[in-house]
């Protein structure tokens, strides 16, 4: 049985830094 993982019942804005590394 999978745990319940619904989105929280609020609107959210998530700010993040990102970094990508691939073969090209």
PDBML (XML) file of the C-alpha atoms, coordinates in Angstrom:
<?xml version="1.0" encoding="UTF-8" ?>
<PDBx:datablock datablockName="MODEL"
   xmlns:PDBx="http://pdbml.pdb.org/schema/pdbx-v50.xsd"
   xmlns:xsi="http://www.w3.org/2001/XMLSchema-instance"
   xsi:schemaLocation="http://pdbml.pdb.org/schema/pdbx-v50.xsd pdbx-v50.xsd">
   <PDBx:atom_siteCategory>
      <PDBx:atom_site id="1">
         <PDBx:B_iso_or_equiv>0.00</PDBx:B_iso_or_equiv>
         <PDBx:Cartn_x>0.000</PDBx:Cartn_x>
         <PDBx:Cartn_y>0.000</PDBx:Cartn_y>
         <PDBx:Cartn_z>0.000</PDBx:Cartn_z>
         <PDBx:auth_asym_id>A</PDBx:auth_asym_id>
         <PDBx:auth_atom_id>CA</PDBx:auth_atom_id>
         <PDBx:auth_comp_id>UNK</PDBx:auth_comp_id>
         <PDBx:auth_seq_id>1</PDBx:auth_seq_id>
         <PDBx:group_PDB>ATOM</PDBx:group_PDB>
         <PDBx:label_alt_id xsi:nil="true" />
         <PDBx:label_asym_id>A</PDBx:label_asym_id>
         <PDBx:label_atom_id>CA</PDBx:label_atom_id>
         <PDBx:label_comp_id>UNK</PDBx:label_comp_id>
         <PDBx:label_entity_id>1</PDBx:label_entity_id>
         <PDBx:label_seq_id>1</PDBx:label_seq_id>
         <PDBx:occupancy>1.00</PDBx:occupancy>
         <PDBx:pdbx_PDB_model_num>1</PDBx:pdbx_PDB_model_num>
         <PDBx:type_symbol>C</PDBx:type_symbol>
      </PDBx:atom_site>
      <PDBx:atom_site id="2">
         <PDBx:B_iso_or_equiv>0.00</PDBx:B_iso_or_equiv>
         <PDBx:Cartn_x>1.514</PDBx:Cartn_x>
         <PDBx:Cartn_y>3.310</PDBx:Cartn_y>
         <PDBx:Cartn_z>-1.058</PDBx:Cartn_z>
         <PDBx:auth_asym_id>A</PDBx:auth_asym_id>
         <PDBx:auth_atom_id>CA</PDBx:auth_atom_id>
         <PDBx:auth_comp_id>UNK</PDBx:auth_comp_id>
         <PDBx:auth_seq_id>2</PDBx:auth_seq_id>
         <PDBx:group_PDB>ATOM</PDBx:group_PDB>
         <PDBx:label_alt_id xsi:nil="true" />
         <PDBx:label_asym_id>A</PDBx:label_asym_id>
         <PDBx:label_atom_id>CA</PDBx:label_atom_id>
         <PDBx:label_comp_id>UNK</PDBx:label_comp_id>
         <PDBx:label_entity_id>1</PDBx:label_entity_id>
         <PDBx:label_seq_id>2</PDBx:label_seq_id>
         <PDBx:occupancy>1.00</PDBx:occupancy>
         <PDBx:pdbx_PDB_model_num>1</PDBx:pdbx_PDB_model_num>
         <PDBx:type_symbol>C</PDBx:type_symbol>
      </PDBx:atom_site>
      <PDBx:atom_site id="3">
         <PDBx:B_iso_or_equiv>0.00</PDBx:B_iso_or_equiv>
         <PDBx:Cartn_x>1.574</PDBx:Cartn_x>
         <PDBx:Cartn_y>6.168</PDBx:Cartn_y>
         <PDBx:Cartn_z>1.471</PDBx:Cartn_z>
         <PDBx:auth_asym_id>A</PDBx:auth_asym_id>
         <PDBx:auth_atom_id>CA</PDBx:auth_atom_id>
         <PDBx:auth_comp_id>UNK</PDBx:auth_comp_id>
         <PDBx:auth_seq_id>3</PDBx:auth_seq_id>
         <PDBx:group_PDB>ATOM</PDBx:group_PDB>
         <PDBx:label_alt_id xsi:nil="true" />
         <PDBx:label_asym_id>A</PDBx:label_asym_id>
         <PDBx:label_atom_id>CA</PDBx:label_atom_id>
         <PDBx:label_comp_id>UNK</PDBx:label_comp_id>
         <PDBx:label_entity_id>1</PDBx:label_entity_id>
         <PDBx:label_seq_id>3</PDBx:label_seq_id>
         <PDBx:occupancy>1.00</PDBx:occupancy>
         <PDBx:pdbx_PDB_model_num>1</PDBx:pdbx_PDB_model_num>
         <PDBx:type_symbol>C</PDBx:type_symbol>
      </PDBx:atom_site>
      <PDBx:atom_site id="4">
         <PDBx:B_iso_or_equiv>0.00</PDBx:B_iso_or_equiv>
         <PDBx:Cartn_x>-0.622</PDBx:Cartn_x>
         <PDBx:Cartn_y>9.135</PDBx:Cartn_y>
         <PDBx:Cartn_z>0.587</PDBx:Cartn_z>
         <PDBx:auth_asym_id>A</PDBx:auth_asym_id>
         <PDBx:auth_atom_id>CA</PDBx:auth_atom_id>
         <PDBx:auth_comp_id>UNK</PDBx:auth_comp_id>
         <PDBx:auth_seq_id>4</PDBx:auth_seq_id>
         <PDBx:group_PDB>ATOM</PDBx:group_PDB>
         <PDBx:label_alt_id xsi:nil="true" />
         <PDBx:label_asym_id>A</PDBx:label_asym_id>
         <PDBx:label_atom_id>CA</PDBx:label_atom_id>
         <PDBx:label_comp_id>UNK</PDBx:label_comp_id>
         <PDBx:label_entity_id>1</PDBx:label_entity_id>
         <PDBx:label_seq_id>4</PDBx:label_seq_id>
         <PDBx:occupancy>1.00</PDBx:occupancy>
         <PDBx:pdbx_PDB_model_num>1</PDBx:pdbx_PDB_model_num>
         <PDBx:type_symbol>C</PDBx:type_symbol>
      </PDBx:atom_site>
      <PDBx:atom_site id="5">
         <PDBx:B_iso_or_equiv>0.00</PDBx:B_iso_or_equiv>
         <PDBx:Cartn_x>1.445</PDBx:Cartn_x>
         <PDBx:Cartn_y>11.830</PDBx:Cartn_y>
         <PDBx:Cartn_z>-1.100</PDBx:Cartn_z>
         <PDBx:auth_asym_id>A</PDBx:auth_asym_id>
         <PDBx:auth_atom_id>CA</PDBx:auth_atom_id>
         <PDBx:auth_comp_id>UNK</PDBx:auth_comp_id>
         <PDBx:auth_seq_id>5</PDBx:auth_seq_id>
         <PDBx:group_PDB>ATOM</PDBx:group_PDB>
         <PDBx:label_alt_id xsi:nil="true" />
         <PDBx:label_asym_id>A</PDBx:label_asym_id>
         <PDBx:label_atom_id>CA</PDBx:label_atom_id>
         <PDBx:label_comp_id>UNK</PDBx:label_comp_id>
         <PDBx:label_entity_id>1</PDBx:label_entity_id>
         <PDBx:label_seq_id>5</PDBx:label_seq_id>
         <PDBx:occupancy>1.00</PDBx:occupancy>
         <PDBx:pdbx_PDB_model_num>1</PDBx:pdbx_PDB_model_num>
         <PDBx:type_symbol>C</PDBx:type_symbol>
      </PDBx:atom_site>
      <PDBx:atom_site id="6">
         <PDBx:B_iso_or_equiv>0.00</PDBx:B_iso_or_equiv>
         <PDBx:Cartn_x>-1.126</PDBx:Cartn_x>
         <PDBx:Cartn_y>14.359</PDBx:Cartn_y>
         <PDBx:Cartn_z>-2.311</PDBx:Cartn_z>
         <PDBx:auth_asym_id>A</PDBx:auth_asym_id>
         <PDBx:auth_atom_id>CA</PDBx:auth_atom_id>
         <PDBx:auth_comp_id>UNK</PDBx:auth_comp_id>
         <PDBx:auth_seq_id>6</PDBx:auth_seq_id>
         <PDBx:group_PDB>ATOM</PDBx:group_PDB>
         <PDBx:label_alt_id xsi:nil="true" />
         <PDBx:label_asym_id>A</PDBx:label_asym_id>
         <PDBx:label_atom_id>CA</PDBx:label_atom_id>
         <PDBx:label_comp_id>UNK</PDBx:label_comp_id>
         <PDBx:label_entity_id>1</PDBx:label_entity_id>
         <PDBx:label_seq_id>6</PDBx:label_seq_id>
         <PDBx:occupancy>1.00</PDBx:occupancy>
         <PDBx:pdbx_PDB_model_num>1</PDBx:pdbx_PDB_model_num>
         <PDBx:type_symbol>C</PDBx:type_symbol>
      </PDBx:atom_site>
      <PDBx:atom_site id="7">
         <PDBx:B_iso_or_equiv>0.00</PDBx:B_iso_or_equiv>
         <PDBx:Cartn_x>-0.009</PDBx:Cartn_x>
         <PDBx:Cartn_y>17.947</PDBx:Cartn_y>
         <PDBx:Cartn_z>-2.764</PDBx:Cartn_z>
         <PDBx:auth_asym_id>A</PDBx:auth_asym_id>
         <PDBx:auth_atom_id>CA</PDBx:auth_atom_id>
         <PDBx:auth_comp_id>UNK</PDBx:auth_comp_id>
         <PDBx:auth_seq_id>7</PDBx:auth_seq_id>
         <PDBx:group_PDB>ATOM</PDBx:group_PDB>
         <PDBx:label_alt_id xsi:nil="true" />
         <PDBx:label_asym_id>A</PDBx:label_asym_id>
         <PDBx:label_atom_id>CA</PDBx:label_atom_id>
         <PDBx:label_comp_id>UNK</PDBx:label_comp_id>
         <PDBx:label_entity_id>1</PDBx:label_entity_id>
         <PDBx:label_seq_id>7</PDBx:label_seq_id>
         <PDBx:occupancy>1.00</PDBx:occupancy>
         <PDBx:pdbx_PDB_model_num>1</PDBx:pdbx_PDB_model_num>
         <PDBx:type_symbol>C</PDBx:type_symbol>
      </PDBx:atom_site>
      <PDBx:atom_site id="8">
         <PDBx:B_iso_or_equiv>0.00</PDBx:B_iso_or_equiv>
         <PDBx:Cartn_x>-0.681</PDBx:Cartn_x>
         <PDBx:Cartn_y>20.165</PDBx:Cartn_y>
         <PDBx:Cartn_z>0.272</PDBx:Cartn_z>
         <PDBx:auth_asym_id>A</PDBx:auth_asym_id>
         <PDBx:auth_atom_id>CA</PDBx:auth_atom_id>
         <PDBx:auth_comp_id>UNK</PDBx:auth_comp_id>
         <PDBx:auth_seq_id>8</PDBx:auth_seq_id>
         <PDBx:group_PDB>ATOM</PDBx:group_PDB>
         <PDBx:label_alt_id xsi:nil="true" />
         <PDBx:label_asym_id>A</PDBx:label_asym_id>
         <PDBx:label_atom_id>CA</PDBx:label_atom_id>
         <PDBx:label_comp_id>UNK</PDBx:label_comp_id>
         <PDBx:label_entity_id>1</PDBx:label_entity_id>
         <PDBx:label_seq_id>8</PDBx:label_seq_id>
         <PDBx:occupancy>1.00</PDBx:occupancy>
         <PDBx:pdbx_PDB_model_num>1</PDBx:pdbx_PDB_model_num>
         <PDBx:type_symbol>C</PDBx:type_symbol>
      </PDBx:atom_site>
      <PDBx:atom_site id="9">
         <PDBx:B_iso_or_equiv>0.00</PDBx:B_iso_or_equiv>
         <PDBx:Cartn_x>-4.072</PDBx:Cartn_x>
         <PDBx:Cartn_y>21.949</PDBx:Cartn_y>
         <PDBx:Cartn_z>-0.037</PDBx:Cartn_z>
         <PDBx:auth_asym_id>A</PDBx:auth_asym_id>
         <PDBx:auth_atom_id>CA</PDBx:auth_atom_id>
         <PDBx:auth_comp_id>UNK</PDBx:auth_comp_id>
         <PDBx:auth_seq_id>9</PDBx:auth_seq_id>
         <PDBx:group_PDB>ATOM</PDBx:group_PDB>
         <PDBx:label_alt_id xsi:nil="true" />
         <PDBx:label_asym_id>A</PDBx:label_asym_id>
         <PDBx:label_atom_id>CA</PDBx:label_atom_id>
         <PDBx:label_comp_id>UNK</PDBx:label_comp_id>
         <PDBx:label_entity_id>1</PDBx:label_entity_id>
         <PDBx:label_seq_id>9</PDBx:label_seq_id>
         <PDBx:occupancy>1.00</PDBx:occupancy>
         <PDBx:pdbx_PDB_model_num>1</PDBx:pdbx_PDB_model_num>
         <PDBx:type_symbol>C</PDBx:type_symbol>
      </PDBx:atom_site>
      <PDBx:atom_site id="10">
         <PDBx:B_iso_or_equiv>0.00</PDBx:B_iso_or_equiv>
         <PDBx:Cartn_x>-2.406</PDBx:Cartn_x>
         <PDBx:Cartn_y>25.331</PDBx:Cartn_y>
         <PDBx:Cartn_z>-0.584</PDBx:Cartn_z>
         <PDBx:auth_asym_id>A</PDBx:auth_asym_id>
         <PDBx:auth_atom_id>CA</PDBx:auth_atom_id>
         <PDBx:auth_comp_id>UNK</PDBx:auth_comp_id>
         <PDBx:auth_seq_id>10</PDBx:auth_seq_id>
         <PDBx:group_PDB>ATOM</PDBx:group_PDB>
         <PDBx:label_alt_id xsi:nil="true" />
         <PDBx:label_asym_id>A</PDBx:label_asym_id>
         <PDBx:label_atom_id>CA</PDBx:label_atom_id>
         <PDBx:label_comp_id>UNK</PDBx:label_comp_id>
         <PDBx:label_entity_id>1</PDBx:label_entity_id>
         <PDBx:label_seq_id>10</PDBx:label_seq_id>
         <PDBx:occupancy>1.00</PDBx:occupancy>
         <PDBx:pdbx_PDB_model_num>1</PDBx:pdbx_PDB_model_num>
         <PDBx:type_symbol>C</PDBx:type_symbol>
      </PDBx:atom_site>
      <PDBx:atom_site id="11">
         <PDBx:B_iso_or_equiv>0.00</PDBx:B_iso_or_equiv>
         <PDBx:Cartn_x>-0.816</PDBx:Cartn_x>
         <PDBx:Cartn_y>27.132</PDBx:Cartn_y>
         <PDBx:Cartn_z>-3.513</PDBx:Cartn_z>
         <PDBx:auth_asym_id>A</PDBx:auth_asym_id>
         <PDBx:auth_atom_id>CA</PDBx:auth_atom_id>
         <PDBx:auth_comp_id>UNK</PDBx:auth_comp_id>
         <PDBx:auth_seq_id>11</PDBx:auth_seq_id>
         <PDBx:group_PDB>ATOM</PDBx:group_PDB>
         <PDBx:label_alt_id xsi:nil="true" />
         <PDBx:label_asym_id>A</PDBx:label_asym_id>
         <PDBx:label_atom_id>CA</PDBx:label_atom_id>
         <PDBx:label_comp_id>UNK</PDBx:label_comp_id>
         <PDBx:label_entity_id>1</PDBx:label_entity_id>
         <PDBx:label_seq_id>11</PDBx:label_seq_id>
         <PDBx:occupancy>1.00</PDBx:occupancy>
         <PDBx:pdbx_PDB_model_num>1</PDBx:pdbx_PDB_model_num>
         <PDBx:type_symbol>C</PDBx:type_symbol>
      </PDBx:atom_site>
      <PDBx:atom_site id="12">
         <PDBx:B_iso_or_equiv>0.00</PDBx:B_iso_or_equiv>
         <PDBx:Cartn_x>2.958</PDBx:Cartn_x>
         <PDBx:Cartn_y>27.261</PDBx:Cartn_y>
         <PDBx:Cartn_z>-3.197</PDBx:Cartn_z>
         <PDBx:auth_asym_id>A</PDBx:auth_asym_id>
         <PDBx:auth_atom_id>CA</PDBx:auth_atom_id>
         <PDBx:auth_comp_id>UNK</PDBx:auth_comp_id>
         <PDBx:auth_seq_id>12</PDBx:auth_seq_id>
         <PDBx:group_PDB>ATOM</PDBx:group_PDB>
         <PDBx:label_alt_id xsi:nil="true" />
         <PDBx:label_asym_id>A</PDBx:label_asym_id>
         <PDBx:label_atom_id>CA</PDBx:label_atom_id>
         <PDBx:label_comp_id>UNK</PDBx:label_comp_id>
         <PDBx:label_entity_id>1</PDBx:label_entity_id>
         <PDBx:label_seq_id>12</PDBx:label_seq_id>
         <PDBx:occupancy>1.00</PDBx:occupancy>
         <PDBx:pdbx_PDB_model_num>1</PDBx:pdbx_PDB_model_num>
         <PDBx:type_symbol>C</PDBx:type_symbol>
      </PDBx:atom_site>
      <PDBx:atom_site id="13">
         <PDBx:B_iso_or_equiv>0.00</PDBx:B_iso_or_equiv>
         <PDBx:Cartn_x>5.809</PDBx:Cartn_x>
         <PDBx:Cartn_y>29.133</PDBx:Cartn_y>
         <PDBx:Cartn_z>-4.813</PDBx:Cartn_z>
         <PDBx:auth_asym_id>A</PDBx:auth_asym_id>
         <PDBx:auth_atom_id>CA</PDBx:auth_atom_id>
         <PDBx:auth_comp_id>UNK</PDBx:auth_comp_id>
         <PDBx:auth_seq_id>13</PDBx:auth_seq_id>
         <PDBx:group_PDB>ATOM</PDBx:group_PDB>
         <PDBx:label_alt_id xsi:nil="true" />
         <PDBx:label_asym_id>A</PDBx:label_asym_id>
         <PDBx:label_atom_id>CA</PDBx:label_atom_id>
         <PDBx:label_comp_id>UNK</PDBx:label_comp_id>
         <PDBx:label_entity_id>1</PDBx:label_entity_id>
         <PDBx:label_seq_id>13</PDBx:label_seq_id>
         <PDBx:occupancy>1.00</PDBx:occupancy>
         <PDBx:pdbx_PDB_model_num>1</PDBx:pdbx_PDB_model_num>
         <PDBx:type_symbol>C</PDBx:type_symbol>
      </PDBx:atom_site>
      <PDBx:atom_site id="14">
         <PDBx:B_iso_or_equiv>0.00</PDBx:B_iso_or_equiv>
         <PDBx:Cartn_x>9.126</PDBx:Cartn_x>
         <PDBx:Cartn_y>27.304</PDBx:Cartn_y>
         <PDBx:Cartn_z>-4.566</PDBx:Cartn_z>
         <PDBx:auth_asym_id>A</PDBx:auth_asym_id>
         <PDBx:auth_atom_id>CA</PDBx:auth_atom_id>
         <PDBx:auth_comp_id>UNK</PDBx:auth_comp_id>
         <PDBx:auth_seq_id>14</PDBx:auth_seq_id>
         <PDBx:group_PDB>ATOM</PDBx:group_PDB>
         <PDBx:label_alt_id xsi:nil="true" />
         <PDBx:label_asym_id>A</PDBx:label_asym_id>
         <PDBx:label_atom_id>CA</PDBx:label_atom_id>
         <PDBx:label_comp_id>UNK</PDBx:label_comp_id>
         <PDBx:label_entity_id>1</PDBx:label_entity_id>
         <PDBx:label_seq_id>14</PDBx:label_seq_id>
         <PDBx:occupancy>1.00</PDBx:occupancy>
         <PDBx:pdbx_PDB_model_num>1</PDBx:pdbx_PDB_model_num>
         <PDBx:type_symbol>C</PDBx:type_symbol>
      </PDBx:atom_site>
      <PDBx:atom_site id="15">
         <PDBx:B_iso_or_equiv>0.00</PDBx:B_iso_or_equiv>
         <PDBx:Cartn_x>12.310</PDBx:Cartn_x>
         <PDBx:Cartn_y>29.240</PDBx:Cartn_y>
         <PDBx:Cartn_z>-5.366</PDBx:Cartn_z>
         <PDBx:auth_asym_id>A</PDBx:auth_asym_id>
         <PDBx:auth_atom_id>CA</PDBx:auth_atom_id>
         <PDBx:auth_comp_id>UNK</PDBx:auth_comp_id>
         <PDBx:auth_seq_id>15</PDBx:auth_seq_id>
         <PDBx:group_PDB>ATOM</PDBx:group_PDB>
         <PDBx:label_alt_id xsi:nil="true" />
         <PDBx:label_asym_id>A</PDBx:label_asym_id>
         <PDBx:label_atom_id>CA</PDBx:label_atom_id>
         <PDBx:label_comp_id>UNK</PDBx:label_comp_id>
         <PDBx:label_entity_id>1</PDBx:label_entity_id>
         <PDBx:label_seq_id>15</PDBx:label_seq_id>
         <PDBx:occupancy>1.00</PDBx:occupancy>
         <PDBx:pdbx_PDB_model_num>1</PDBx:pdbx_PDB_model_num>
         <PDBx:type_symbol>C</PDBx:type_symbol>
      </PDBx:atom_site>
      <PDBx:atom_site id="16">
         <PDBx:B_iso_or_equiv>0.00</PDBx:B_iso_or_equiv>
         <PDBx:Cartn_x>15.453</PDBx:Cartn_x>
         <PDBx:Cartn_y>27.235</PDBx:Cartn_y>
         <PDBx:Cartn_z>-6.118</PDBx:Cartn_z>
         <PDBx:auth_asym_id>A</PDBx:auth_asym_id>
         <PDBx:auth_atom_id>CA</PDBx:auth_atom_id>
         <PDBx:auth_comp_id>UNK</PDBx:auth_comp_id>
         <PDBx:auth_seq_id>16</PDBx:auth_seq_id>
         <PDBx:group_PDB>ATOM</PDBx:group_PDB>
         <PDBx:label_alt_id xsi:nil="true" />
         <PDBx:label_asym_id>A</PDBx:label_asym_id>
         <PDBx:label_atom_id>CA</PDBx:label_atom_id>
         <PDBx:label_comp_id>UNK</PDBx:label_comp_id>
         <PDBx:label_entity_id>1</PDBx:label_entity_id>
         <PDBx:label_seq_id>16</PDBx:label_seq_id>
         <PDBx:occupancy>1.00</PDBx:occupancy>
         <PDBx:pdbx_PDB_model_num>1</PDBx:pdbx_PDB_model_num>
         <PDBx:type_symbol>C</PDBx:type_symbol>
      </PDBx:atom_site>
      <PDBx:atom_site id="17">
         <PDBx:B_iso_or_equiv>0.00</PDBx:B_iso_or_equiv>
         <PDBx:Cartn_x>18.927</PDBx:Cartn_x>
         <PDBx:Cartn_y>27.257</PDBx:Cartn_y>
         <PDBx:Cartn_z>-7.611</PDBx:Cartn_z>
         <PDBx:auth_asym_id>A</PDBx:auth_asym_id>
         <PDBx:auth_atom_id>CA</PDBx:auth_atom_id>
         <PDBx:auth_comp_id>UNK</PDBx:auth_comp_id>
         <PDBx:auth_seq_id>17</PDBx:auth_seq_id>
         <PDBx:group_PDB>ATOM</PDBx:group_PDB>
         <PDBx:label_alt_id xsi:nil="true" />
         <PDBx:label_asym_id>A</PDBx:label_asym_id>
         <PDBx:label_atom_id>CA</PDBx:label_atom_id>
         <PDBx:label_comp_id>UNK</PDBx:label_comp_id>
         <PDBx:label_entity_id>1</PDBx:label_entity_id>
         <PDBx:label_seq_id>17</PDBx:label_seq_id>
         <PDBx:occupancy>1.00</PDBx:occupancy>
         <PDBx:pdbx_PDB_model_num>1</PDBx:pdbx_PDB_model_num>
         <PDBx:type_symbol>C</PDBx:type_symbol>
      </PDBx:atom_site>
      <PDBx:atom_site id="18">
         <PDBx:B_iso_or_equiv>0.00</PDBx:B_iso_or_equiv>
         <PDBx:Cartn_x>19.651</PDBx:Cartn_x>
         <PDBx:Cartn_y>24.648</PDBx:Cartn_y>
         <PDBx:Cartn_z>-10.282</PDBx:Cartn_z>
         <PDBx:auth_asym_id>A</PDBx:auth_asym_id>
         <PDBx:auth_atom_id>CA</PDBx:auth_atom_id>
         <PDBx:auth_comp_id>UNK</PDBx:auth_comp_id>
         <PDBx:auth_seq_id>18</PDBx:auth_seq_id>
         <PDBx:group_PDB>ATOM</PDBx:group_PDB>
         <PDBx:label_alt_id xsi:nil="true" />
         <PDBx:label_asym_id>A</PDBx:label_asym_id>
         <PDBx:label_atom_id>CA</PDBx:label_atom_id>
         <PDBx:label_comp_id>UNK</PDBx:label_comp_id>
         <PDBx:label_entity_id>1</PDBx:label_entity_id>
         <PDBx:label_seq_id>18</PDBx:label_seq_id>
         <PDBx:occupancy>1.00</PDBx:occupancy>
         <PDBx:pdbx_PDB_model_num>1</PDBx:pdbx_PDB_model_num>
         <PDBx:type_symbol>C</PDBx:type_symbol>
      </PDBx:atom_site>
      <PDBx:atom_site id="19">
         <PDBx:B_iso_or_equiv>0.00</PDBx:B_iso_or_equiv>
         <PDBx:Cartn_x>22.781</PDBx:Cartn_x>
         <PDBx:Cartn_y>23.101</PDBx:Cartn_y>
         <PDBx:Cartn_z>-11.739</PDBx:Cartn_z>
         <PDBx:auth_asym_id>A</PDBx:auth_asym_id>
         <PDBx:auth_atom_id>CA</PDBx:auth_atom_id>
         <PDBx:auth_comp_id>UNK</PDBx:auth_comp_id>
         <PDBx:auth_seq_id>19</PDBx:auth_seq_id>
         <PDBx:group_PDB>ATOM</PDBx:group_PDB>
         <PDBx:label_alt_id xsi:nil="true" />
         <PDBx:label_asym_id>A</PDBx:label_asym_id>
         <PDBx:label_atom_id>CA</PDBx:label_atom_id>
         <PDBx:label_comp_id>UNK</PDBx:label_comp_id>
         <PDBx:label_entity_id>1</PDBx:label_entity_id>
         <PDBx:label_seq_id>19</PDBx:label_seq_id>
         <PDBx:occupancy>1.00</PDBx:occupancy>
         <PDBx:pdbx_PDB_model_num>1</PDBx:pdbx_PDB_model_num>
         <PDBx:type_symbol>C</PDBx:type_symbol>
      </PDBx:atom_site>
      <PDBx:atom_site id="20">
         <PDBx:B_iso_or_equiv>0.00</PDBx:B_iso_or_equiv>
         <PDBx:Cartn_x>22.936</PDBx:Cartn_x>
         <PDBx:Cartn_y>20.817</PDBx:Cartn_y>
         <PDBx:Cartn_z>-14.777</PDBx:Cartn_z>
         <PDBx:auth_asym_id>A</PDBx:auth_asym_id>
         <PDBx:auth_atom_id>CA</PDBx:auth_atom_id>
         <PDBx:auth_comp_id>UNK</PDBx:auth_comp_id>
         <PDBx:auth_seq_id>20</PDBx:auth_seq_id>
         <PDBx:group_PDB>ATOM</PDBx:group_PDB>
         <PDBx:label_alt_id xsi:nil="true" />
         <PDBx:label_asym_id>A</PDBx:label_asym_id>
         <PDBx:label_atom_id>CA</PDBx:label_atom_id>
         <PDBx:label_comp_id>UNK</PDBx:label_comp_id>
         <PDBx:label_entity_id>1</PDBx:label_entity_id>
         <PDBx:label_seq_id>20</PDBx:label_seq_id>
         <PDBx:occupancy>1.00</PDBx:occupancy>
         <PDBx:pdbx_PDB_model_num>1</PDBx:pdbx_PDB_model_num>
         <PDBx:type_symbol>C</PDBx:type_symbol>
      </PDBx:atom_site>
      <PDBx:atom_site id="21">
         <PDBx:B_iso_or_equiv>0.00</PDBx:B_iso_or_equiv>
         <PDBx:Cartn_x>25.752</PDBx:Cartn_x>
         <PDBx:Cartn_y>18.564</PDBx:Cartn_y>
         <PDBx:Cartn_z>-15.929</PDBx:Cartn_z>
         <PDBx:auth_asym_id>A</PDBx:auth_asym_id>
         <PDBx:auth_atom_id>CA</PDBx:auth_atom_id>
         <PDBx:auth_comp_id>UNK</PDBx:auth_comp_id>
         <PDBx:auth_seq_id>21</PDBx:auth_seq_id>
         <PDBx:group_PDB>ATOM</PDBx:group_PDB>
         <PDBx:label_alt_id xsi:nil="true" />
         <PDBx:label_asym_id>A</PDBx:label_asym_id>
         <PDBx:label_atom_id>CA</PDBx:label_atom_id>
         <PDBx:label_comp_id>UNK</PDBx:label_comp_id>
         <PDBx:label_entity_id>1</PDBx:label_entity_id>
         <PDBx:label_seq_id>21</PDBx:label_seq_id>
         <PDBx:occupancy>1.00</PDBx:occupancy>
         <PDBx:pdbx_PDB_model_num>1</PDBx:pdbx_PDB_model_num>
         <PDBx:type_symbol>C</PDBx:type_symbol>
      </PDBx:atom_site>
      <PDBx:atom_site id="22">
         <PDBx:B_iso_or_equiv>0.00</PDBx:B_iso_or_equiv>
         <PDBx:Cartn_x>25.508</PDBx:Cartn_x>
         <PDBx:Cartn_y>16.142</PDBx:Cartn_y>
         <PDBx:Cartn_z>-18.838</PDBx:Cartn_z>
         <PDBx:auth_asym_id>A</PDBx:auth_asym_id>
         <PDBx:auth_atom_id>CA</PDBx:auth_atom_id>
         <PDBx:auth_comp_id>UNK</PDBx:auth_comp_id>
         <PDBx:auth_seq_id>22</PDBx:auth_seq_id>
         <PDBx:group_PDB>ATOM</PDBx:group_PDB>
         <PDBx:label_alt_id xsi:nil="true" />
         <PDBx:label_asym_id>A</PDBx:label_asym_id>
         <PDBx:label_atom_id>CA</PDBx:label_atom_id>
         <PDBx:label_comp_id>UNK</PDBx:label_comp_id>
         <PDBx:label_entity_id>1</PDBx:label_entity_id>
         <PDBx:label_seq_id>22</PDBx:label_seq_id>
         <PDBx:occupancy>1.00</PDBx:occupancy>
         <PDBx:pdbx_PDB_model_num>1</PDBx:pdbx_PDB_model_num>
         <PDBx:type_symbol>C</PDBx:type_symbol>
      </PDBx:atom_site>
      <PDBx:atom_site id="23">
         <PDBx:B_iso_or_equiv>0.00</PDBx:B_iso_or_equiv>
         <PDBx:Cartn_x>27.674</PDBx:Cartn_x>
         <PDBx:Cartn_y>14.770</PDBx:Cartn_y>
         <PDBx:Cartn_z>-21.653</PDBx:Cartn_z>
         <PDBx:auth_asym_id>A</PDBx:auth_asym_id>
         <PDBx:auth_atom_id>CA</PDBx:auth_atom_id>
         <PDBx:auth_comp_id>UNK</PDBx:auth_comp_id>
         <PDBx:auth_seq_id>23</PDBx:auth_seq_id>
         <PDBx:group_PDB>ATOM</PDBx:group_PDB>
         <PDBx:label_alt_id xsi:nil="true" />
         <PDBx:label_asym_id>A</PDBx:label_asym_id>
         <PDBx:label_atom_id>CA</PDBx:label_atom_id>
         <PDBx:label_comp_id>UNK</PDBx:label_comp_id>
         <PDBx:label_entity_id>1</PDBx:label_entity_id>
         <PDBx:label_seq_id>23</PDBx:label_seq_id>
         <PDBx:occupancy>1.00</PDBx:occupancy>
         <PDBx:pdbx_PDB_model_num>1</PDBx:pdbx_PDB_model_num>
         <PDBx:type_symbol>C</PDBx:type_symbol>
      </PDBx:atom_site>
      <PDBx:atom_site id="24">
         <PDBx:B_iso_or_equiv>0.00</PDBx:B_iso_or_equiv>
         <PDBx:Cartn_x>27.147</PDBx:Cartn_x>
         <PDBx:Cartn_y>17.809</PDBx:Cartn_y>
         <PDBx:Cartn_z>-23.921</PDBx:Cartn_z>
         <PDBx:auth_asym_id>A</PDBx:auth_asym_id>
         <PDBx:auth_atom_id>CA</PDBx:auth_atom_id>
         <PDBx:auth_comp_id>UNK</PDBx:auth_comp_id>
         <PDBx:auth_seq_id>24</PDBx:auth_seq_id>
         <PDBx:group_PDB>ATOM</PDBx:group_PDB>
         <PDBx:label_alt_id xsi:nil="true" />
         <PDBx:label_asym_id>A</PDBx:label_asym_id>
         <PDBx:label_atom_id>CA</PDBx:label_atom_id>
         <PDBx:label_comp_id>UNK</PDBx:label_comp_id>
         <PDBx:label_entity_id>1</PDBx:label_entity_id>
         <PDBx:label_seq_id>24</PDBx:label_seq_id>
         <PDBx:occupancy>1.00</PDBx:occupancy>
         <PDBx:pdbx_PDB_model_num>1</PDBx:pdbx_PDB_model_num>
         <PDBx:type_symbol>C</PDBx:type_symbol>
      </PDBx:atom_site>
   </PDBx:atom_siteCategory>
</PDBx:datablock>
